[in-house]
PDB file of N, CA and C in Angstrom:
ATOM      1  N   MET A   1       0.821  -1.168   0.000  1.00  0.00           N
ATOM      2  CA  MET A   1       0.000   0.000   0.000  1.00  0.00           C
ATOM      3  C   MET A   1       0.874   1.244   0.000  1.00  0.00           C
ATOM      4  N   THR A   2       0.563   2.188  -0.815  1.00  0.00           N
ATOM      5  CA  THR A   2       1.369   3.392  -0.897  1.00  0.00           C
ATOM      6  C   THR A   2       0.831   4.448   0.054  1.00  0.00           C
ATOM      7  N   PRO A   3       1.722   5.211   0.660  1.00  0.00           N
ATOM      8  CA  PRO A   3       1.267   6.300   1.521  1.00  0.00           C
ATOM      9  C   PRO A   3       0.545   7.356   0.700  1.00  0.00           C
ATOM     10  N   ARG A   4      -0.357   8.044   1.319  1.00  0.00           N
ATOM     11  CA  ARG A   4      -1.085   9.123   0.664  1.00  0.00           C
ATOM     12  C   ARG A   4      -0.141  10.289   0.437  1.00  0.00           C
ATOM     13  N   ARG A   5      -0.167  10.846  -0.778  1.00  0.00           N
ATOM     14  CA  ARG A   5       0.716  11.948  -1.147  1.00  0.00           C
ATOM     15  C   ARG A   5       0.030  13.286  -0.897  1.00  0.00           C
ATOM     16  N   PRO A   6       0.826  14.344  -0.716  1.00  0.00           N
ATOM     17  CA  PRO A   6       0.239  15.675  -0.604  1.00  0.00           C
ATOM     18  C   PRO A   6      -0.423  16.075  -1.917  1.00  0.00           C
ATOM     19  N   ALA A   7      -1.415  16.926  -1.834  1.00  0.00           N
ATOM     20  CA  ALA A   7      -2.106  17.403  -3.031  1.00  0.00           C
ATOM     21  C   ALA A   7      -1.107  18.024  -3.987  1.00  0.00           C
ATOM     22  N   GLY A   8      -1.212  17.641  -5.258  1.00  0.00           N
ATOM     23  CA  GLY A   8      -0.350  18.195  -6.283  1.00  0.00           C
ATOM     24  C   GLY A   8       1.056  17.609  -6.302  1.00  0.00           C
ATOM     25  N   ALA A   9       1.285  16.533  -5.556  1.00  0.00           N
ATOM     26  CA  ALA A   9       2.634  15.968  -5.478  1.00  0.00           C
ATOM     27  C   ALA A   9       2.804  14.768  -6.390  1.00  0.00           C
ATOM     28  N   GLY A  10       2.120  14.737  -7.480  1.00  0.00           N
ATOM     29  CA  GLY A  10       2.286  13.641  -8.415  1.00  0.00           C
ATOM     30  C   GLY A  10       1.042  12.796  -8.519  1.00  0.00           C
ATOM     31  N   PRO A  11       1.153  11.628  -9.146  1.00  0.00           N
ATOM     32  CA  PRO A  11      -0.017  10.775  -9.363  1.00  0.00           C
ATOM     33  C   PRO A  11      -0.724  10.444  -8.065  1.00  0.00           C
ATOM     34  N   GLY A  12      -2.022  10.562  -8.090  1.00  0.00           N
ATOM     35  CA  GLY A  12      -2.824  10.230  -6.916  1.00  0.00           C
ATOM     36  C   GLY A  12      -2.828  11.319  -5.863  1.00  0.00           C
ATOM     37  N   GLY A  13      -2.104  12.397  -6.095  1.00  0.00           N
ATOM     38  CA  GLY A  13      -1.989  13.438  -5.089  1.00  0.00           C
ATOM     39  C   GLY A  13      -3.081  14.475  -5.159  1.00  0.00           C
ATOM     40  N   THR A  14      -3.954  14.397  -6.149  1.00  0.00           N
ATOM     41  CA  THR A  14      -5.019  15.375  -6.254  1.00  0.00           C
ATOM     42  C   THR A  14      -6.292  14.799  -5.676  1.00  0.00           C
ATOM     43  N   GLY A  15      -7.189  15.650  -5.323  1.00  0.00           N
ATOM     44  CA  GLY A  15      -8.448  15.188  -4.768  1.00  0.00           C
ATOM     45  C   GLY A  15      -9.020  16.238  -3.840  1.00  0.00           C
ATOM     46  N   SER A  16     -10.171  15.909  -3.258  1.00  0.00           N
ATOM     47  CA  SER A  16     -10.852  16.879  -2.423  1.00  0.00           C
ATOM     48  C   SER A  16     -10.269  16.950  -1.020  1.00  0.00           C
ATOM     49  N   ARG A  17      -9.493  15.953  -0.621  1.00  0.00           N
ATOM     50  CA  ARG A  17      -8.922  15.924   0.720  1.00  0.00           C
ATOM     51  C   ARG A  17      -7.446  16.246   0.692  1.00  0.00           C
ATOM     52  N   ASP A  18      -6.964  16.866   1.752  1.00  0.00           N
ATOM     53  CA  ASP A  18      -5.527  17.036   1.905  1.00  0.00           C
ATOM     54  C   ASP A  18      -4.930  15.680   2.242  1.00  0.00           C
ATOM     55  N   ALA A  19      -3.627  15.593   2.160  1.00  0.00           N
ATOM     56  CA  ALA A  19      -2.937  14.339   2.472  1.00  0.00           C
ATOM     57  C   ALA A  19      -3.182  13.958   3.918  1.00  0.00           C
ATOM     58  N   GLY A  20      -3.103  12.663   4.201  1.00  0.00           N
ATOM     59  CA  GLY A  20      -3.337  12.144   5.540  1.00  0.00           C
ATOM     60  C   GLY A  20      -2.096  12.234   6.403  1.00  0.00           C
ATOM     61  N   PHE A  21      -1.565  13.433   6.558  1.00  0.00           N
ATOM     62  CA  PHE A  21      -0.370  13.622   7.365  1.00  0.00           C
ATOM     63  C   PHE A  21      -0.748  13.716   8.828  1.00  0.00           C
ATOM     64  N   VAL A  22      -0.013  13.005   9.668  1.00  0.00           N
ATOM     65  CA  VAL A  22      -0.150  13.086  11.113  1.00  0.00           C
ATOM     66  C   VAL A  22       1.267  13.153  11.657  1.00  0.00           C
ATOM     67  N   PHE A  23       1.482  13.949  12.679  1.00  0.00           N
ATOM     68  CA  PHE A  23       2.815  14.070  13.257  1.00  0.00           C
ATOM     69  C   PHE A  23       2.859  13.373  14.604  1.00  0.00           C
ATOM     70  N   ASP A  24       3.921  12.596  14.843  1.00  0.00           N
ATOM     71  CA  ASP A  24       4.060  11.934  16.140  1.00  0.00           C
ATOM     72  C   ASP A  24       4.577  12.944  17.166  1.00  0.00           C
ATOM     73  N   THR A  25       4.837  12.492  18.386  1.00  0.00           N
ATOM     74  CA  THR A  25       5.232  13.397  19.462  1.00  0.00           C
ATOM     75  C   THR A  25       6.580  14.057  19.218  1.00  0.00           C
ATOM     76  N   HIS A  26       7.371  13.501  18.312  1.00  0.00           N
ATOM     77  CA  HIS A  26       8.667  14.075  17.990  1.00  0.00           C
ATOM     78  C   HIS A  26       8.624  14.915  16.721  1.00  0.00           C
ATOM     79  N   GLY A  27       7.446  15.153  16.197  1.00  0.00           N
ATOM     80  CA  GLY A  27       7.310  15.946  14.988  1.00  0.00           C
ATOM     81  C   GLY A  27       7.601  15.189  13.711  1.00  0.00           C
ATOM     82  N   VAL A  28       7.706  13.862  13.795  1.00  0.00           N
ATOM     83  CA  VAL A  28       7.957  13.053  12.609  1.00  0.00           C
ATOM     84  C   VAL A  28       6.636  12.829  11.885  1.00  0.00           C
ATOM     85  N   ARG A  29       6.624  13.086  10.593  1.00  0.00           N
ATOM     86  CA  ARG A  29       5.396  12.960   9.818  1.00  0.00           C
ATOM     87  C   ARG A  29       5.116  11.498   9.505  1.00  0.00           C
ATOM     88  N   LEU A  30       3.918  11.054   9.853  1.00  0.00           N
ATOM     89  CA  LEU A  30       3.444   9.723   9.506  1.00  0.00           C
ATOM     90  C   LEU A  30       2.349   9.889   8.464  1.00  0.00           C
ATOM     91  N   LEU A  31       2.231   8.940   7.569  1.00  0.00           N
ATOM     92  CA  LEU A  31       1.226   9.018   6.526  1.00  0.00           C
ATOM     93  C   LEU A  31       0.177   7.942   6.712  1.00  0.00           C
ATOM     94  N   LEU A  32      -1.074   8.328   6.632  1.00  0.00           N
ATOM     95  CA  LEU A  32      -2.153   7.352   6.592  1.00  0.00           C
ATOM     96  C   LEU A  32      -2.320   6.946   5.139  1.00  0.00           C
ATOM     97  N   THR A  33      -2.445   5.651   4.906  1.00  0.00           N
ATOM     98  CA  THR A  33      -2.644   5.176   3.539  1.00  0.00           C
ATOM     99  C   THR A  33      -4.067   5.498   3.093  1.00  0.00           C
ATOM    100  N   ASP A  34      -4.292   5.418   1.787  1.00  0.00           N
ATOM    101  CA  ASP A  34      -5.639   5.631   1.259  1.00  0.00           C
ATOM    102  C   ASP A  34      -6.626   4.659   1.891  1.00  0.00           C
ATOM    103  N   ARG A  35      -6.204   3.403   2.074  1.00  0.00           N
ATOM    104  CA  ARG A  35      -7.099   2.399   2.651  1.00  0.00           C
ATOM    105  C   ARG A  35      -7.396   2.695   4.109  1.00  0.00           C
ATOM    106  N   GLU A  36      -6.390   3.138   4.873  1.00  0.00           N
ATOM    107  CA  GLU A  36      -6.629   3.510   6.269  1.00  0.00           C
ATOM    108  C   GLU A  36      -7.610   4.669   6.352  1.00  0.00           C
ATOM    109  N   LEU A  37      -7.463   5.635   5.447  1.00  0.00           N
ATOM    110  CA  LEU A  37      -8.400   6.759   5.416  1.00  0.00           C
ATOM    111  C   LEU A  37      -9.807   6.300   5.036  1.00  0.00           C
ATOM    112  N   ALA A  38      -9.911   5.362   4.084  1.00  0.00           N
ATOM    113  CA  ALA A  38     -11.227   4.844   3.679  1.00  0.00           C
ATOM    114  C   ALA A  38     -11.893   4.124   4.841  1.00  0.00           C
ATOM    115  N   VAL A  39     -11.126   3.320   5.572  1.00  0.00           N
ATOM    116  CA  VAL A  39     -11.678   2.602   6.726  1.00  0.00           C
ATOM    117  C   VAL A  39     -12.121   3.597   7.797  1.00  0.00           C
ATOM    118  N   LEU A  40     -11.307   4.613   8.082  1.00  0.00           N
ATOM    119  CA  LEU A  40     -11.680   5.634   9.065  1.00  0.00           C
ATOM    120  C   LEU A  40     -12.932   6.387   8.636  1.00  0.00           C
ATOM    121  N   ASP A  41     -13.034   6.688   7.350  1.00  0.00           N
ATOM    122  CA  ASP A  41     -14.198   7.398   6.827  1.00  0.00           C
ATOM    123  C   ASP A  41     -15.475   6.590   7.054  1.00  0.00           C
ATOM    124  N   LEU A  42     -15.419   5.298   6.752  1.00  0.00           N
ATOM    125  CA  LEU A  42     -16.589   4.440   6.960  1.00  0.00           C
ATOM    126  C   LEU A  42     -16.868   4.239   8.441  1.00  0.00           C
ATOM    127  N   LEU A  43     -15.831   4.156   9.241  1.00  0.00           N
ATOM    128  CA  LEU A  43     -15.991   4.044  10.687  1.00  0.00           C
ATOM    129  C   LEU A  43     -16.677   5.289  11.233  1.00  0.00           C
ATOM    130  N   ALA A  44     -16.255   6.450  10.743  1.00  0.00           N
ATOM    131  CA  ALA A  44     -16.870   7.713  11.163  1.00  0.00           C
ATOM    132  C   ALA A  44     -18.344   7.775  10.756  1.00  0.00           C
ATOM    133  N   GLY A  45     -18.690   7.068   9.689  1.00  0.00           N
ATOM    134  CA  GLY A  45     -20.075   7.011   9.235  1.00  0.00           C
ATOM    135  C   GLY A  45     -20.924   6.040  10.037  1.00  0.00           C
ATOM    136  N   GLY A  46     -20.326   5.372  11.023  1.00  0.00           N
ATOM    137  CA  GLY A  46     -21.084   4.506  11.911  1.00  0.00           C
ATOM    138  C   GLY A  46     -21.075   3.030  11.544  1.00  0.00           C
ATOM    139  N   LEU A  47     -20.303   2.646  10.541  1.00  0.00           N
ATOM    140  CA  LEU A  47     -20.279   1.238  10.139  1.00  0.00           C
ATOM    141  C   LEU A  47     -19.432   0.409  11.100  1.00  0.00           C
ATOM    142  N   ILE A  48     -19.819  -0.836  11.280  1.00  0.00           N
ATOM    143  CA  ILE A  48     -19.050  -1.771  12.085  1.00  0.00           C
ATOM    144  C   ILE A  48     -18.054  -2.491  11.185  1.00  0.00           C
ATOM    145  N   THR A  49     -17.132  -3.215  11.800  1.00  0.00           N
ATOM    146  CA  THR A  49     -16.045  -3.863  11.069  1.00  0.00           C
ATOM    147  C   THR A  49     -16.535  -4.727   9.917  1.00  0.00           C
ATOM    148  N   THR A  50     -17.542  -5.573  10.163  1.00  0.00           N
ATOM    149  CA  THR A  50     -18.009  -6.464   9.095  1.00  0.00           C
ATOM    150  C   THR A  50     -18.624  -5.682   7.941  1.00  0.00           C
ATOM    151  N   ALA A  51     -19.330  -4.609   8.246  1.00  0.00           N
ATOM    152  CA  ALA A  51     -19.929  -3.785   7.194  1.00  0.00           C
ATOM    153  C   ALA A  51     -18.849  -3.058   6.387  1.00  0.00           C
ATOM    154  N   ILE A  52     -17.814  -2.576   7.075  1.00  0.00           N
ATOM    155  CA  ILE A  52     -16.701  -1.920   6.384  1.00  0.00           C
ATOM    156  C   ILE A  52     -16.021  -2.926   5.453  1.00  0.00           C
ATOM    157  N   ALA A  53     -15.814  -4.149   5.958  1.00  0.00           N
ATOM    158  CA  ALA A  53     -15.176  -5.197   5.151  1.00  0.00           C
ATOM    159  C   ALA A  53     -15.984  -5.487   3.893  1.00  0.00           C
ATOM    160  N   ARG A  54     -17.296  -5.624   4.048  1.00  0.00           N
ATOM    161  CA  ARG A  54     -18.151  -5.883   2.874  1.00  0.00           C
ATOM    162  C   ARG A  54     -18.089  -4.728   1.895  1.00  0.00           C
ATOM    163  N   ARG A  55     -18.155  -3.513   2.396  1.00  0.00           N
ATOM    164  CA  ARG A  55     -18.150  -2.328   1.534  1.00  0.00           C
ATOM    165  C   ARG A  55     -16.857  -2.225   0.734  1.00  0.00           C
ATOM    166  N   LEU A  56     -15.731  -2.569   1.371  1.00  0.00           N
ATOM    167  CA  LEU A  56     -14.432  -2.433   0.707  1.00  0.00           C
ATOM    168  C   LEU A  56     -13.957  -3.699   0.018  1.00  0.00           C
ATOM    169  N   GLY A  57     -14.679  -4.801   0.212  1.00  0.00           N
ATOM    170  CA  GLY A  57     -14.304  -6.055  -0.427  1.00  0.00           C
ATOM    171  C   GLY A  57     -13.059  -6.687   0.180  1.00  0.00           C
ATOM    172  N   ILE A  58     -12.885  -6.517   1.491  1.00  0.00           N
ATOM    173  CA  ILE A  58     -11.747  -7.095   2.199  1.00  0.00           C
ATOM    174  C   ILE A  58     -12.269  -7.865   3.410  1.00  0.00           C
ATOM    175  N   SER A  59     -11.394  -8.596   4.071  1.00  0.00           N
ATOM    176  CA  SER A  59     -11.827  -9.375   5.229  1.00  0.00           C
ATOM    177  C   SER A  59     -11.937  -8.485   6.470  1.00  0.00           C
ATOM    178  N   PRO A  60     -12.776  -8.891   7.443  1.00  0.00           N
ATOM    179  CA  PRO A  60     -12.864  -8.136   8.700  1.00  0.00           C
ATOM    180  C   PRO A  60     -11.512  -8.045   9.413  1.00  0.00           C
ATOM    181  N   ARG A  61     -10.701  -9.099   9.296  1.00  0.00           N
ATOM    182  CA  ARG A  61      -9.376  -9.055   9.919  1.00  0.00           C
ATOM    183  C   ARG A  61      -8.510  -7.967   9.280  1.00  0.00           C
ATOM    184  N   THR A  62      -8.607  -7.812   7.974  1.00  0.00           N
ATOM    185  CA  THR A  62      -7.840  -6.766   7.287  1.00  0.00           C
ATOM    186  C   THR A  62      -8.315  -5.389   7.733  1.00  0.00           C
ATOM    187  N   VAL A  63      -9.620  -5.228   7.901  1.00  0.00           N
ATOM    188  CA  VAL A  63     -10.151  -3.960   8.422  1.00  0.00           C
ATOM    189  C   VAL A  63      -9.519  -3.680   9.785  1.00  0.00           C
ATOM    190  N   GLY A  64      -9.484  -4.712  10.635  1.00  0.00           N
ATOM    191  CA  GLY A  64      -8.889  -4.557  11.957  1.00  0.00           C
ATOM    192  C   GLY A  64      -7.430  -4.140  11.893  1.00  0.00           C
ATOM    193  N   LYS A  65      -6.690  -4.700  10.957  1.00  0.00           N
ATOM    194  CA  LYS A  65      -5.275  -4.339  10.798  1.00  0.00           C
ATOM    195  C   LYS A  65      -5.125  -2.891  10.322  1.00  0.00           C
ATOM    196  N   HIS A  66      -5.985  -2.471   9.391  1.00  0.00           N
ATOM    197  CA  HIS A  66      -5.955  -1.071   8.950  1.00  0.00           C
ATOM    198  C   HIS A  66      -6.267  -0.148  10.126  1.00  0.00           C
ATOM    199  N   LEU A  67      -7.234  -0.526  10.942  1.00  0.00           N
ATOM    200  CA  LEU A  67      -7.574   0.287  12.111  1.00  0.00           C
ATOM    201  C   LEU A  67      -6.423   0.329  13.113  1.00  0.00           C
ATOM    202  N   GLU A  68      -5.767  -0.800  13.342  1.00  0.00           N
ATOM    203  CA  GLU A  68      -4.621  -0.819  14.261  1.00  0.00           C
ATOM    204  C   GLU A  68      -3.568   0.186  13.825  1.00  0.00           C
ATOM    205  N   GLN A  69      -3.243   0.184  12.533  1.00  0.00           N
ATOM    206  CA  GLN A  69      -2.227   1.104  12.022  1.00  0.00           C
ATOM    207  C   GLN A  69      -2.693   2.555  12.130  1.00  0.00           C
ATOM    208  N   ALA A  70      -3.961   2.798  11.829  1.00  0.00           N
ATOM    209  CA  ALA A  70      -4.498   4.159  11.935  1.00  0.00           C
ATOM    210  C   ALA A  70      -4.487   4.619  13.391  1.00  0.00           C
ATOM    211  N   TYR A  71      -4.865   3.733  14.329  1.00  0.00           N
ATOM    212  CA  TYR A  71      -4.820   4.088  15.756  1.00  0.00           C
ATOM    213  C   TYR A  71      -3.410   4.492  16.147  1.00  0.00           C
ATOM    214  N   ARG A  72      -2.435   3.684  15.735  1.00  0.00           N
ATOM    215  CA  ARG A  72      -1.044   3.952  16.073  1.00  0.00           C
ATOM    216  C   ARG A  72      -0.617   5.315  15.536  1.00  0.00           C
ATOM    217  N   LYS A  73      -0.946   5.585  14.279  1.00  0.00           N
ATOM    218  CA  LYS A  73      -0.539   6.836  13.647  1.00  0.00           C
ATOM    219  C   LYS A  73      -1.269   8.038  14.231  1.00  0.00           C
ATOM    220  N   LEU A  74      -2.506   7.831  14.682  1.00  0.00           N
ATOM    221  CA  LEU A  74      -3.299   8.926  15.250  1.00  0.00           C
ATOM    222  C   LEU A  74      -3.092   9.077  16.748  1.00  0.00           C
ATOM    223  N   GLY A  75      -2.406   8.123  17.366  1.00  0.00           N
ATOM    224  CA  GLY A  75      -2.227   8.162  18.812  1.00  0.00           C
ATOM    225  C   GLY A  75      -3.518   7.869  19.546  1.00  0.00           C
ATOM    226  N   ALA A  76      -4.349   7.003  18.967  1.00  0.00           N
ATOM    227  CA  ALA A  76      -5.658   6.670  19.545  1.00  0.00           C
ATOM    228  C   ALA A  76      -5.629   5.246  20.099  1.00  0.00           C
ATOM    229  N   ASN A  77      -6.514   4.990  21.050  1.00  0.00           N
ATOM    230  CA  ASN A  77      -6.613   3.660  21.654  1.00  0.00           C
ATOM    231  C   ASN A  77      -7.908   2.945  21.312  1.00  0.00           C
ATOM    232  N   ASP A  78      -8.847   3.670  20.727  1.00  0.00           N
ATOM    233  CA  ASP A  78     -10.131   3.062  20.405  1.00  0.00           C
ATOM    234  C   ASP A  78     -10.776   3.786  19.224  1.00  0.00           C
ATOM    235  N   ARG A  79     -11.916   3.247  18.791  1.00  0.00           N
ATOM    236  CA  ARG A  79     -12.602   3.783  17.614  1.00  0.00           C
ATOM    237  C   ARG A  79     -13.036   5.231  17.780  1.00  0.00           C
ATOM    238  N   VAL A  80     -13.615   5.528  18.922  1.00  0.00           N
ATOM    239  CA  VAL A  80     -14.138   6.880  19.143  1.00  0.00           C
ATOM    240  C   VAL A  80     -13.010   7.902  19.115  1.00  0.00           C
ATOM    241  N   SER A  81     -11.927   7.630  19.843  1.00  0.00           N
ATOM    242  CA  SER A  81     -10.825   8.603  19.865  1.00  0.00           C
ATOM    243  C   SER A  81     -10.157   8.711  18.501  1.00  0.00           C
ATOM    244  N   ALA A  82     -10.101   7.612  17.737  1.00  0.00           N
ATOM    245  CA  ALA A  82      -9.525   7.664  16.390  1.00  0.00           C
ATOM    246  C   ALA A  82     -10.372   8.547  15.479  1.00  0.00           C
ATOM    247  N   VAL A  83     -11.684   8.370  15.526  1.00  0.00           N
ATOM    248  CA  VAL A  83     -12.579   9.176  14.684  1.00  0.00           C
ATOM    249  C   VAL A  83     -12.524  10.642  15.100  1.00  0.00           C
ATOM    250  N   LEU A  84     -12.530  10.912  16.408  1.00  0.00           N
ATOM    251  CA  LEU A  84     -12.460  12.296  16.874  1.00  0.00           C
ATOM    252  C   LEU A  84     -11.148  12.956  16.458  1.00  0.00           C
ATOM    253  N   ARG A  85     -10.070  12.217  16.562  1.00  0.00           N
ATOM    254  CA  ARG A  85      -8.757  12.759  16.159  1.00  0.00           C
ATOM    255  C   ARG A  85      -8.734  13.000  14.649  1.00  0.00           C
ATOM    256  N   ALA A  86      -9.256  12.058  13.879  1.00  0.00           N
ATOM    257  CA  ALA A  86      -9.300  12.217  12.420  1.00  0.00           C
ATOM    258  C   ALA A  86     -10.160  13.419  12.037  1.00  0.00           C
ATOM    259  N   HIS A  87     -11.282  13.621  12.737  1.00  0.00           N
ATOM    260  CA  HIS A  87     -12.121  14.808  12.492  1.00  0.00           C
ATOM    261  C   HIS A  87     -11.332  16.082  12.772  1.00  0.00           C
ATOM    262  N   SER A  88     -10.657  16.111  13.917  1.00  0.00           N
ATOM    263  CA  SER A  88      -9.943  17.328  14.303  1.00  0.00           C
ATOM    264  C   SER A  88      -8.811  17.660  13.338  1.00  0.00           C
ATOM    265  N   LEU A  89      -8.261  16.646  12.686  1.00  0.00           N
ATOM    266  CA  LEU A  89      -7.185  16.854  11.710  1.00  0.00           C
ATOM    267  C   LEU A  89      -7.713  17.071  10.294  1.00  0.00           C
ATOM    268  N   GLY A  90      -9.025  16.975  10.131  1.00  0.00           N
ATOM    269  CA  GLY A  90      -9.617  17.163   8.813  1.00  0.00           C
ATOM    270  C   GLY A  90      -9.421  15.986   7.870  1.00  0.00           C
ATOM    271  N   LEU A  91      -9.146  14.805   8.427  1.00  0.00           N
ATOM    272  CA  LEU A  91      -8.917  13.627   7.598  1.00  0.00           C
ATOM    273  C   LEU A  91     -10.201  12.932   7.180  1.00  0.00           C
ATOM    274  N   VAL A  92     -11.255  13.122   7.952  1.00  0.00           N
ATOM    275  CA  VAL A  92     -12.567  12.576   7.587  1.00  0.00           C
ATOM    276  C   VAL A  92     -13.574  13.708   7.701  1.00  0.00           C
ATOM    277  N   PRO A  93     -14.612  13.685   6.893  1.00  0.00           N
ATOM    278  CA  PRO A  93     -15.596  14.770   6.942  1.00  0.00           C
ATOM    279  C   PRO A  93     -16.326  14.781   8.280  1.00  0.00           C
ATOM    280  N   SER A  94     -16.743  15.973   8.707  1.00  0.00           N
ATOM    281  CA  SER A  94     -17.458  16.077   9.973  1.00  0.00           C
ATOM    282  C   SER A  94     -18.881  15.524   9.862  1.00  0.00           C
ATOM    283  N   GLN A  95     -19.411  15.518   8.655  1.00  0.00           N
ATOM    284  CA  GLN A  95     -20.724  14.922   8.401  1.00  0.00           C
ATOM    285  C   GLN A  95     -20.509  13.627   7.643  1.00  0.00           C
ATOM    286  N   PRO A  96     -21.122  12.512   8.094  1.00  0.00           N
ATOM    287  CA  PRO A  96     -20.966  11.238   7.364  1.00  0.00           C
ATOM    288  C   PRO A  96     -21.399  11.384   5.911  1.00  0.00           C
ATOM    289  N   THR A  97     -20.681  10.711   5.028  1.00  0.00           N
ATOM    290  CA  THR A  97     -21.035  10.744   3.618  1.00  0.00           C
ATOM    291  C   THR A  97     -22.270   9.879   3.375  1.00  0.00           C
ATOM    292  N   LYS A  98     -23.172  10.365   2.564  1.00  0.00           N
ATOM    293  CA  LYS A  98     -24.398   9.624   2.226  1.00  0.00           C
ATOM    294  C   LYS A  98     -24.101   8.673   1.085  1.00  0.00           C
ATOM    295  N   THR A  99     -24.524   7.407   1.257  1.00  0.00           N
ATOM    296  CA  THR A  99     -24.335   6.435   0.169  1.00  0.00           C
ATOM    297  C   THR A  99     -25.617   5.731  -0.128  1.00  0.00           C
TER     298      THR A  99
END
């Protein structure tokens, strides 16, 4: 999986969202992958792991692994704190997307 690029930084770098940059406690930039952002977006929309897996065509275990990595990068310990942190950083919309 490739890290998300900043807007305008080459292929895949354009879009409506800024890059999924998060900084750790030492100021080191960590990147959320496109898939981690997609999982967080669906999580923010209220979907459970199995529903996210079905929507993305991956296994529930893979969803869990994407969430583990996103938690680590966001400094979160659970779903609620991960979604709140992602909202505060502008990584997921404040209003769930309608599908």
